[in-house]
Amino acid sequence: MKRFSLFFILIFTFISCNQTKKEAVKEELVAGKITFNAKKLPKKNKLDPKVVTVLENWQEYKNFNTAIDGMYKAENDEDLRLTLDQIIEAQKKLEASTYPEEYNKPHIKSRLTVIKTYTLKTKAAIEYSLVILEPASEMIDAYNNFRNQFNIIANNTLDTNLILQNE
């Protein structure tokens, strides 16, 4: 019986401590503090020089890249909301555009879809007054994976046709 009482008291203590943390987060949001800080976003990955020469002729990609750069310039939630709208529009135009031949691959297109998912998640966080930094960081991570895929494709020296012929 003593063990049961001790166990019950420990569980009650943990539950009550957890509720205090949730209340503190809600108070921060209710106070109207800005929950987004662009300085805490991950840095953008660098592109390989081989990739830059191809992408500089792809206007839709340049517009999308400029829209993503706006994330780092947003100072408040309203700026971020407008930036996310620009990113969504630029992403739609990028999806509909003609991809350069060497980057017209499912690897690139699927990562663009992931960016769209995290962009919409970030926009939903703003609409529902949730913490914005986490989904915004996930969106930038997805964008970095998108850029990294360009580097991987450019530096891939394997000829898939040669591999398939040997089978």
N, C-alpha and C. Protein backbone atom coordinates (compact mmCIF):
# COMPACT_ATOMS: atom_id res chain seq x y z
N MET A 1 0.82 -1.19 0.00
CA MET A 1 0.00 0.00 0.00
C MET A 1 0.87 1.26 0.00
N LYS A 2 2.01 1.20 0.72
CA LYS A 2 2.90 2.35 0.77
C LYS A 2 3.50 2.61 -0.62
N ARG A 3 3.84 1.54 -1.32
CA ARG A 3 4.41 1.69 -2.65
C ARG A 3 3.39 2.30 -3.61
N PHE A 4 2.17 1.86 -3.49
CA PHE A 4 1.11 2.41 -4.33
C PHE A 4 0.93 3.90 -4.07
N SER A 5 0.93 4.29 -2.82
CA SER A 5 0.78 5.71 -2.46
C SER A 5 1.95 6.53 -2.99
N LEU A 6 3.16 6.01 -2.82
CA LEU A 6 4.35 6.70 -3.31
C LEU A 6 4.31 6.82 -4.83
N PHE A 7 3.93 5.76 -5.51
CA PHE A 7 3.82 5.77 -6.96
C PHE A 7 2.78 6.80 -7.42
N PHE A 8 1.66 6.86 -6.76
CA PHE A 8 0.59 7.81 -7.09
C PHE A 8 1.07 9.25 -6.89
N ILE A 9 1.80 9.51 -5.83
CA ILE A 9 2.31 10.86 -5.56
C ILE A 9 3.32 11.27 -6.63
N LEU A 10 4.20 10.35 -7.04
CA LEU A 10 5.18 10.65 -8.09
C LEU A 10 4.50 10.97 -9.42
N ILE A 11 3.52 10.20 -9.79
CA ILE A 11 2.80 10.44 -11.04
C ILE A 11 2.09 11.79 -10.98
N PHE A 12 1.45 12.08 -9.89
CA PHE A 12 0.75 13.36 -9.72
C PHE A 12 1.73 14.53 -9.84
N THR A 13 2.93 14.38 -9.28
CA THR A 13 3.94 15.44 -9.34
C THR A 13 4.38 15.68 -10.78
N PHE A 14 4.65 14.61 -11.53
CA PHE A 14 5.07 14.76 -12.92
C PHE A 14 3.98 15.40 -13.76
N ILE A 15 2.76 15.01 -13.57
CA ILE A 15 1.65 15.56 -14.34
C ILE A 15 1.48 17.04 -14.04
N SER A 16 1.57 17.42 -12.80
CA SER A 16 1.38 18.83 -12.46
C SER A 16 2.54 19.69 -12.97
N CYS A 17 3.76 19.17 -13.00
CA CYS A 17 4.89 19.91 -13.55
C CYS A 17 4.72 20.11 -15.04
N ASN A 18 4.23 19.13 -15.73
CA ASN A 18 4.01 19.21 -17.17
C ASN A 18 2.97 20.27 -17.50
N GLN A 19 1.93 20.38 -16.71
CA GLN A 19 0.89 21.38 -16.95
C GLN A 19 1.44 22.78 -16.78
N THR A 20 2.35 22.99 -15.88
CA THR A 20 2.95 24.31 -15.66
C THR A 20 3.71 24.76 -16.90
N LYS A 21 4.43 23.85 -17.55
CA LYS A 21 5.17 24.19 -18.75
C LYS A 21 4.22 24.60 -19.87
N LYS A 22 3.13 23.87 -20.06
CA LYS A 22 2.17 24.20 -21.10
C LYS A 22 1.53 25.55 -20.85
N GLU A 23 1.23 25.85 -19.60
CA GLU A 23 0.63 27.14 -19.26
C GLU A 23 1.61 28.27 -19.55
N ALA A 24 2.90 28.07 -19.31
CA ALA A 24 3.89 29.10 -19.57
C ALA A 24 3.97 29.41 -21.06
N VAL A 25 3.90 28.38 -21.91
CA VAL A 25 3.92 28.60 -23.35
C VAL A 25 2.69 29.36 -23.79
N LYS A 26 1.52 29.00 -23.27
CA LYS A 26 0.29 29.70 -23.64
C LYS A 26 0.34 31.15 -23.20
N GLU A 27 0.90 31.44 -22.02
CA GLU A 27 1.00 32.81 -21.56
C GLU A 27 1.88 33.63 -22.48
N GLU A 28 2.96 33.04 -22.97
CA GLU A 28 3.85 33.75 -23.88
C GLU A 28 3.12 34.11 -25.16
N LEU A 29 2.32 33.18 -25.69
CA LEU A 29 1.59 33.44 -26.91
C LEU A 29 0.47 34.45 -26.69
N VAL A 30 -0.19 34.38 -25.54
CA VAL A 30 -1.28 35.30 -25.25
C VAL A 30 -0.75 36.72 -25.07
N ALA A 31 0.44 36.84 -24.52
CA ALA A 31 1.02 38.16 -24.30
C ALA A 31 1.30 38.87 -25.62
N GLY A 32 1.24 38.17 -26.74
CA GLY A 32 1.41 38.77 -28.05
C GLY A 32 2.86 38.97 -28.45
N LYS A 33 3.76 38.27 -27.82
CA LYS A 33 5.16 38.39 -28.17
C LYS A 33 5.38 37.79 -29.55
N ILE A 34 6.33 38.34 -30.26
CA ILE A 34 6.68 37.80 -31.57
C ILE A 34 7.36 36.46 -31.35
N THR A 35 6.84 35.43 -31.97
CA THR A 35 7.39 34.09 -31.78
C THR A 35 8.38 33.73 -32.87
N PHE A 36 8.56 34.60 -33.85
CA PHE A 36 9.44 34.30 -34.97
C PHE A 36 10.68 35.17 -34.89
N ASN A 37 11.84 34.54 -35.00
CA ASN A 37 13.09 35.26 -35.02
C ASN A 37 13.91 34.69 -36.17
N ALA A 38 14.07 35.48 -37.23
CA ALA A 38 14.75 35.00 -38.44
C ALA A 38 16.21 34.65 -38.18
N LYS A 39 16.80 35.21 -37.15
CA LYS A 39 18.21 34.92 -36.85
C LYS A 39 18.41 33.49 -36.39
N LYS A 40 17.34 32.85 -35.92
CA LYS A 40 17.44 31.47 -35.43
C LYS A 40 17.21 30.44 -36.53
N LEU A 41 16.91 30.89 -37.75
CA LEU A 41 16.70 29.95 -38.86
C LEU A 41 18.04 29.35 -39.29
N PRO A 42 18.02 28.11 -39.79
CA PRO A 42 19.26 27.51 -40.30
C PRO A 42 19.77 28.28 -41.52
N LYS A 43 21.06 28.27 -41.70
CA LYS A 43 21.68 28.93 -42.86
C LYS A 43 21.39 28.13 -44.13
N LYS A 44 21.37 28.83 -45.26
CA LYS A 44 21.16 28.17 -46.54
C LYS A 44 22.43 27.45 -46.98
N ASN A 45 22.26 26.27 -47.57
CA ASN A 45 23.40 25.52 -48.12
C ASN A 45 23.93 26.23 -49.36
N LYS A 46 25.22 26.09 -49.57
CA LYS A 46 25.85 26.65 -50.77
C LYS A 46 25.64 25.68 -51.93
N LEU A 47 25.54 26.26 -53.12
CA LEU A 47 25.42 25.46 -54.33
C LEU A 47 26.79 25.31 -54.98
N ASP A 48 27.00 24.17 -55.59
CA ASP A 48 28.22 23.89 -56.33
C ASP A 48 28.29 24.83 -57.53
N PRO A 49 29.49 25.29 -57.92
CA PRO A 49 29.60 26.18 -59.09
C PRO A 49 29.01 25.58 -60.38
N LYS A 50 29.09 24.24 -60.52
CA LYS A 50 28.49 23.58 -61.69
C LYS A 50 26.98 23.79 -61.71
N VAL A 51 26.39 23.77 -60.54
CA VAL A 51 24.94 23.91 -60.42
C VAL A 51 24.53 25.35 -60.69
N VAL A 52 25.32 26.30 -60.18
CA VAL A 52 24.99 27.72 -60.32
C VAL A 52 24.92 28.11 -61.80
N THR A 53 25.83 27.58 -62.62
CA THR A 53 25.83 27.94 -64.04
C THR A 53 24.56 27.49 -64.74
N VAL A 54 23.99 26.37 -64.32
CA VAL A 54 22.75 25.88 -64.93
C VAL A 54 21.55 26.64 -64.39
N LEU A 55 21.53 26.86 -63.08
CA LEU A 55 20.36 27.47 -62.44
C LEU A 55 20.23 28.96 -62.71
N GLU A 56 21.31 29.63 -63.08
CA GLU A 56 21.19 31.07 -63.31
C GLU A 56 20.34 31.39 -64.55
N ASN A 57 20.13 30.42 -65.40
CA ASN A 57 19.26 30.62 -66.57
C ASN A 57 17.82 30.21 -66.32
N TRP A 58 17.52 29.69 -65.16
CA TRP A 58 16.18 29.21 -64.81
C TRP A 58 15.50 30.28 -63.96
N GLN A 59 14.74 31.14 -64.60
CA GLN A 59 14.15 32.31 -63.94
C GLN A 59 13.20 31.93 -62.81
N GLU A 60 12.40 30.89 -62.98
CA GLU A 60 11.45 30.48 -61.94
C GLU A 60 12.19 30.05 -60.66
N TYR A 61 13.33 29.39 -60.83
CA TYR A 61 14.11 29.00 -59.66
C TYR A 61 14.66 30.24 -58.97
N LYS A 62 15.14 31.20 -59.75
CA LYS A 62 15.68 32.42 -59.14
C LYS A 62 14.60 33.17 -58.37
N ASN A 63 13.37 33.20 -58.90
CA ASN A 63 12.26 33.85 -58.19
C ASN A 63 11.94 33.11 -56.89
N PHE A 64 11.96 31.79 -56.95
CA PHE A 64 11.71 30.97 -55.76
C PHE A 64 12.79 31.20 -54.71
N ASN A 65 14.03 31.24 -55.14
CA ASN A 65 15.15 31.48 -54.24
C ASN A 65 15.04 32.85 -53.58
N THR A 66 14.62 33.86 -54.34
CA THR A 66 14.43 35.20 -53.79
C THR A 66 13.31 35.21 -52.77
N ALA A 67 12.24 34.46 -53.03
CA ALA A 67 11.13 34.38 -52.08
C ALA A 67 11.58 33.72 -50.78
N ILE A 68 12.40 32.69 -50.88
CA ILE A 68 12.93 32.02 -49.68
C ILE A 68 13.83 32.99 -48.90
N ASP A 69 14.60 33.80 -49.60
CA ASP A 69 15.46 34.79 -48.93
C ASP A 69 14.64 35.75 -48.08
N GLY A 70 13.39 35.97 -48.46
CA GLY A 70 12.51 36.84 -47.68
C GLY A 70 12.25 36.32 -46.28
N MET A 71 12.40 35.02 -46.06
CA MET A 71 12.23 34.45 -44.72
C MET A 71 13.24 35.06 -43.75
N TYR A 72 14.44 35.32 -44.24
CA TYR A 72 15.50 35.86 -43.39
C TYR A 72 15.33 37.36 -43.15
N LYS A 73 14.47 38.01 -43.93
CA LYS A 73 14.24 39.45 -43.78
C LYS A 73 12.96 39.77 -43.01
N ALA A 74 12.14 38.76 -42.75
CA ALA A 74 10.87 38.98 -42.05
C ALA A 74 11.15 39.41 -40.61
N GLU A 75 10.46 40.48 -40.20
CA GLU A 75 10.68 41.02 -38.86
C GLU A 75 9.54 40.69 -37.90
N ASN A 76 8.37 40.35 -38.44
CA ASN A 76 7.24 40.02 -37.57
C ASN A 76 6.35 39.01 -38.28
N ASP A 77 5.28 38.63 -37.61
CA ASP A 77 4.40 37.59 -38.15
C ASP A 77 3.73 38.02 -39.46
N GLU A 78 3.39 39.30 -39.57
CA GLU A 78 2.72 39.78 -40.79
C GLU A 78 3.67 39.73 -41.99
N ASP A 79 4.92 40.14 -41.78
CA ASP A 79 5.92 40.03 -42.85
C ASP A 79 6.10 38.57 -43.26
N LEU A 80 6.14 37.70 -42.28
CA LEU A 80 6.31 36.28 -42.56
C LEU A 80 5.12 35.72 -43.33
N ARG A 81 3.93 36.14 -42.98
CA ARG A 81 2.73 35.68 -43.68
C ARG A 81 2.79 36.09 -45.16
N LEU A 82 3.18 37.33 -45.44
CA LEU A 82 3.30 37.79 -46.83
C LEU A 82 4.41 37.04 -47.56
N THR A 83 5.51 36.80 -46.87
CA THR A 83 6.62 36.06 -47.47
C THR A 83 6.20 34.64 -47.81
N LEU A 84 5.46 34.00 -46.93
CA LEU A 84 4.99 32.63 -47.20
C LEU A 84 4.05 32.60 -48.40
N ASP A 85 3.20 33.62 -48.54
CA ASP A 85 2.34 33.69 -49.73
C ASP A 85 3.18 33.80 -51.00
N GLN A 86 4.25 34.61 -50.94
CA GLN A 86 5.14 34.74 -52.10
C GLN A 86 5.85 33.42 -52.40
N ILE A 87 6.25 32.71 -51.36
CA ILE A 87 6.92 31.42 -51.54
C ILE A 87 5.97 30.42 -52.20
N ILE A 88 4.73 30.40 -51.74
CA ILE A 88 3.75 29.46 -52.31
C ILE A 88 3.51 29.76 -53.78
N GLU A 89 3.37 31.04 -54.12
CA GLU A 89 3.17 31.42 -55.53
C GLU A 89 4.39 31.07 -56.38
N ALA A 90 5.58 31.38 -55.87
CA ALA A 90 6.81 31.07 -56.61
C ALA A 90 6.98 29.56 -56.76
N GLN A 91 6.58 28.80 -55.75
CA GLN A 91 6.69 27.35 -55.81
C GLN A 91 5.76 26.78 -56.86
N LYS A 92 4.55 27.33 -56.96
CA LYS A 92 3.60 26.87 -57.98
C LYS A 92 4.15 27.14 -59.38
N LYS A 93 4.73 28.31 -59.57
CA LYS A 93 5.31 28.65 -60.88
C LYS A 93 6.52 27.77 -61.19
N LEU A 94 7.29 27.46 -60.16
CA LEU A 94 8.45 26.60 -60.35
C LEU A 94 8.03 25.19 -60.74
N GLU A 95 6.99 24.67 -60.09
CA GLU A 95 6.48 23.33 -60.44
C GLU A 95 5.99 23.28 -61.88
N ALA A 96 5.35 24.36 -62.34
CA ALA A 96 4.78 24.38 -63.68
C ALA A 96 5.81 24.70 -64.75
N SER A 97 6.98 25.17 -64.36
CA SER A 97 7.99 25.58 -65.33
C SER A 97 8.67 24.37 -65.97
N THR A 98 9.45 24.66 -66.98
CA THR A 98 10.25 23.64 -67.64
C THR A 98 11.58 23.52 -66.91
N TYR A 99 11.85 22.34 -66.39
CA TYR A 99 13.08 22.11 -65.63
C TYR A 99 14.25 21.97 -66.60
N PRO A 100 15.45 22.38 -66.19
CA PRO A 100 16.62 22.07 -67.01
C PRO A 100 16.75 20.55 -67.15
N GLU A 101 17.22 20.11 -68.28
CA GLU A 101 17.23 18.68 -68.60
C GLU A 101 17.90 17.83 -67.52
N GLU A 102 19.05 18.27 -67.03
CA GLU A 102 19.77 17.45 -66.04
C GLU A 102 19.09 17.42 -64.67
N TYR A 103 18.17 18.37 -64.42
CA TYR A 103 17.47 18.41 -63.12
C TYR A 103 15.99 18.08 -63.24
N ASN A 104 15.58 17.59 -64.37
CA ASN A 104 14.18 17.18 -64.55
C ASN A 104 14.04 15.73 -64.06
N LYS A 105 14.16 15.58 -62.75
CA LYS A 105 14.17 14.25 -62.12
C LYS A 105 13.20 14.23 -60.95
N PRO A 106 12.71 13.04 -60.61
CA PRO A 106 11.80 12.93 -59.46
C PRO A 106 12.44 13.36 -58.14
N HIS A 107 13.78 13.24 -58.04
CA HIS A 107 14.47 13.64 -56.81
C HIS A 107 14.22 15.11 -56.50
N ILE A 108 14.29 15.92 -57.53
CA ILE A 108 14.11 17.37 -57.37
C ILE A 108 12.64 17.70 -57.13
N LYS A 109 11.78 17.11 -57.92
CA LYS A 109 10.35 17.43 -57.83
C LYS A 109 9.76 17.00 -56.48
N SER A 110 10.21 15.88 -55.95
CA SER A 110 9.67 15.43 -54.67
C SER A 110 10.12 16.34 -53.53
N ARG A 111 11.33 16.84 -53.61
CA ARG A 111 11.80 17.75 -52.56
C ARG A 111 11.07 19.09 -52.63
N LEU A 112 10.67 19.48 -53.81
CA LEU A 112 9.87 20.70 -53.95
C LEU A 112 8.50 20.51 -53.30
N THR A 113 7.95 19.32 -53.39
CA THR A 113 6.67 19.02 -52.73
C THR A 113 6.83 19.06 -51.21
N VAL A 114 7.96 18.58 -50.71
CA VAL A 114 8.22 18.62 -49.27
C VAL A 114 8.31 20.07 -48.79
N ILE A 115 8.96 20.92 -49.57
CA ILE A 115 9.04 22.34 -49.21
C ILE A 115 7.65 22.94 -49.13
N LYS A 116 6.80 22.60 -50.08
CA LYS A 116 5.43 23.12 -50.07
C LYS A 116 4.69 22.68 -48.81
N THR A 117 4.89 21.43 -48.42
CA THR A 117 4.24 20.91 -47.21
C THR A 117 4.66 21.71 -45.99
N TYR A 118 5.95 21.94 -45.83
CA TYR A 118 6.43 22.68 -44.66
C TYR A 118 6.07 24.17 -44.74
N THR A 119 5.95 24.70 -45.95
CA THR A 119 5.50 26.08 -46.09
C THR A 119 4.07 26.22 -45.60
N LEU A 120 3.22 25.28 -46.00
CA LEU A 120 1.83 25.31 -45.54
C LEU A 120 1.73 25.07 -44.04
N LYS A 121 2.62 24.23 -43.51
CA LYS A 121 2.64 23.99 -42.06
C LYS A 121 3.02 25.27 -41.32
N THR A 122 3.98 26.01 -41.85
CA THR A 122 4.39 27.27 -41.23
C THR A 122 3.27 28.30 -41.30
N LYS A 123 2.60 28.34 -42.44
CA LYS A 123 1.48 29.28 -42.58
C LYS A 123 0.35 28.94 -41.61
N ALA A 124 0.09 27.66 -41.42
CA ALA A 124 -0.94 27.24 -40.46
C ALA A 124 -0.54 27.62 -39.03
N ALA A 125 0.75 27.53 -38.72
CA ALA A 125 1.21 27.92 -37.38
C ALA A 125 0.95 29.40 -37.14
N ILE A 126 1.11 30.22 -38.16
CA ILE A 126 0.81 31.65 -38.02
C ILE A 126 -0.68 31.86 -37.83
N GLU A 127 -1.48 31.19 -38.65
CA GLU A 127 -2.94 31.37 -38.59
C GLU A 127 -3.51 30.96 -37.24
N TYR A 128 -2.95 29.91 -36.65
CA TYR A 128 -3.48 29.41 -35.38
C TYR A 128 -2.69 29.91 -34.18
N SER A 129 -1.84 30.90 -34.39
CA SER A 129 -1.04 31.52 -33.32
C SER A 129 -0.22 30.50 -32.54
N LEU A 130 0.44 29.63 -33.26
CA LEU A 130 1.33 28.64 -32.64
C LEU A 130 2.77 29.12 -32.76
N VAL A 131 3.68 28.40 -32.16
CA VAL A 131 5.09 28.73 -32.27
C VAL A 131 5.52 28.53 -33.72
N ILE A 132 6.15 29.53 -34.29
CA ILE A 132 6.44 29.54 -35.72
C ILE A 132 7.85 29.03 -36.04
N LEU A 133 8.76 29.18 -35.12
CA LEU A 133 10.16 28.88 -35.41
C LEU A 133 10.39 27.43 -35.83
N GLU A 134 9.74 26.49 -35.18
CA GLU A 134 9.96 25.07 -35.50
C GLU A 134 9.54 24.72 -36.93
N PRO A 135 8.30 25.03 -37.36
CA PRO A 135 7.96 24.70 -38.75
C PRO A 135 8.75 25.52 -39.77
N ALA A 136 9.12 26.76 -39.41
CA ALA A 136 9.92 27.57 -40.33
C ALA A 136 11.31 26.96 -40.50
N SER A 137 11.88 26.46 -39.42
CA SER A 137 13.18 25.80 -39.50
C SER A 137 13.09 24.51 -40.31
N GLU A 138 12.00 23.77 -40.14
CA GLU A 138 11.80 22.56 -40.94
C GLU A 138 11.68 22.90 -42.42
N MET A 139 11.03 24.02 -42.73
CA MET A 139 10.90 24.44 -44.12
C MET A 139 12.26 24.78 -44.71
N ILE A 140 13.09 25.49 -43.96
CA ILE A 140 14.43 25.84 -44.45
C ILE A 140 15.28 24.58 -44.58
N ASP A 141 15.14 23.62 -43.67
CA ASP A 141 15.85 22.35 -43.79
C ASP A 141 15.43 21.62 -45.07
N ALA A 142 14.14 21.64 -45.38
CA ALA A 142 13.66 21.02 -46.61
C ALA A 142 14.23 21.74 -47.83
N TYR A 143 14.32 23.06 -47.75
CA TYR A 143 14.90 23.84 -48.84
C TYR A 143 16.39 23.51 -49.01
N ASN A 144 17.09 23.35 -47.89
CA ASN A 144 18.50 22.96 -47.96
C ASN A 144 18.66 21.58 -48.57
N ASN A 145 17.76 20.66 -48.26
CA ASN A 145 17.79 19.34 -48.88
C ASN A 145 17.53 19.43 -50.38
N PHE A 146 16.65 20.33 -50.77
CA PHE A 146 16.35 20.59 -52.19
C PHE A 146 17.63 21.07 -52.89
N ARG A 147 18.30 22.05 -52.30
CA ARG A 147 19.53 22.58 -52.89
C ARG A 147 20.64 21.53 -52.89
N ASN A 148 20.71 20.74 -51.83
CA ASN A 148 21.72 19.70 -51.74
C ASN A 148 21.52 18.64 -52.83
N GLN A 149 20.27 18.39 -53.19
CA GLN A 149 20.00 17.42 -54.24
C GLN A 149 20.56 17.89 -55.59
N PHE A 150 20.53 19.20 -55.84
CA PHE A 150 21.17 19.73 -57.05
C PHE A 150 22.66 19.40 -57.04
N ASN A 151 23.30 19.60 -55.89
CA ASN A 151 24.74 19.30 -55.77
C ASN A 151 25.02 17.82 -55.98
N ILE A 152 24.17 16.97 -55.43
CA ILE A 152 24.36 15.52 -55.57
C ILE A 152 24.25 15.11 -57.03
N ILE A 153 23.25 15.63 -57.72
CA ILE A 153 23.07 15.28 -59.13
C ILE A 153 24.24 15.78 -59.96
N ALA A 154 24.71 17.00 -59.68
CA ALA A 154 25.82 17.57 -60.45
C ALA A 154 27.11 16.80 -60.23
N ASN A 155 27.32 16.28 -59.04
CA ASN A 155 28.57 15.58 -58.72
C ASN A 155 28.48 14.07 -58.92
N ASN A 156 27.34 13.56 -59.34
CA ASN A 156 27.17 12.13 -59.56
C ASN A 156 27.84 11.76 -60.88
N THR A 157 28.83 10.89 -60.80
CA THR A 157 29.56 10.48 -62.00
C THR A 157 29.16 9.10 -62.50
N LEU A 158 28.22 8.45 -61.81
CA LEU A 158 27.78 7.13 -62.24
C LEU A 158 26.86 7.24 -63.45
N ASP A 159 27.10 6.40 -64.42
CA ASP A 159 26.24 6.34 -65.59
C ASP A 159 25.25 5.20 -65.38
N THR A 160 23.99 5.54 -65.15
CA THR A 160 22.99 4.51 -64.87
C THR A 160 22.75 3.61 -66.07
N ASN A 161 22.90 4.13 -67.28
CA ASN A 161 22.73 3.30 -68.47
C ASN A 161 23.79 2.20 -68.53
N LEU A 162 25.01 2.53 -68.14
CA LEU A 162 26.09 1.56 -68.13
C LEU A 162 25.81 0.46 -67.11
N ILE A 163 25.29 0.83 -65.97
CA ILE A 163 24.96 -0.15 -64.93
C ILE A 163 23.84 -1.07 -65.40
N LEU A 164 22.83 -0.51 -66.03
CA LEU A 164 21.69 -1.30 -66.49
C LEU A 164 22.07 -2.24 -67.63
N GLN A 165 23.05 -1.87 -68.46
CA GLN A 165 23.48 -2.71 -69.57
C GLN A 165 24.22 -3.95 -69.08
N ASN A 166 24.87 -3.87 -67.95
CA ASN A 166 25.65 -5.00 -67.43
C ASN A 166 24.79 -6.07 -66.78
N GLU A 167 23.53 -5.83 -66.58
CA GLU A 167 22.68 -6.82 -65.91
C GLU A 167 22.29 -7.93 -66.82
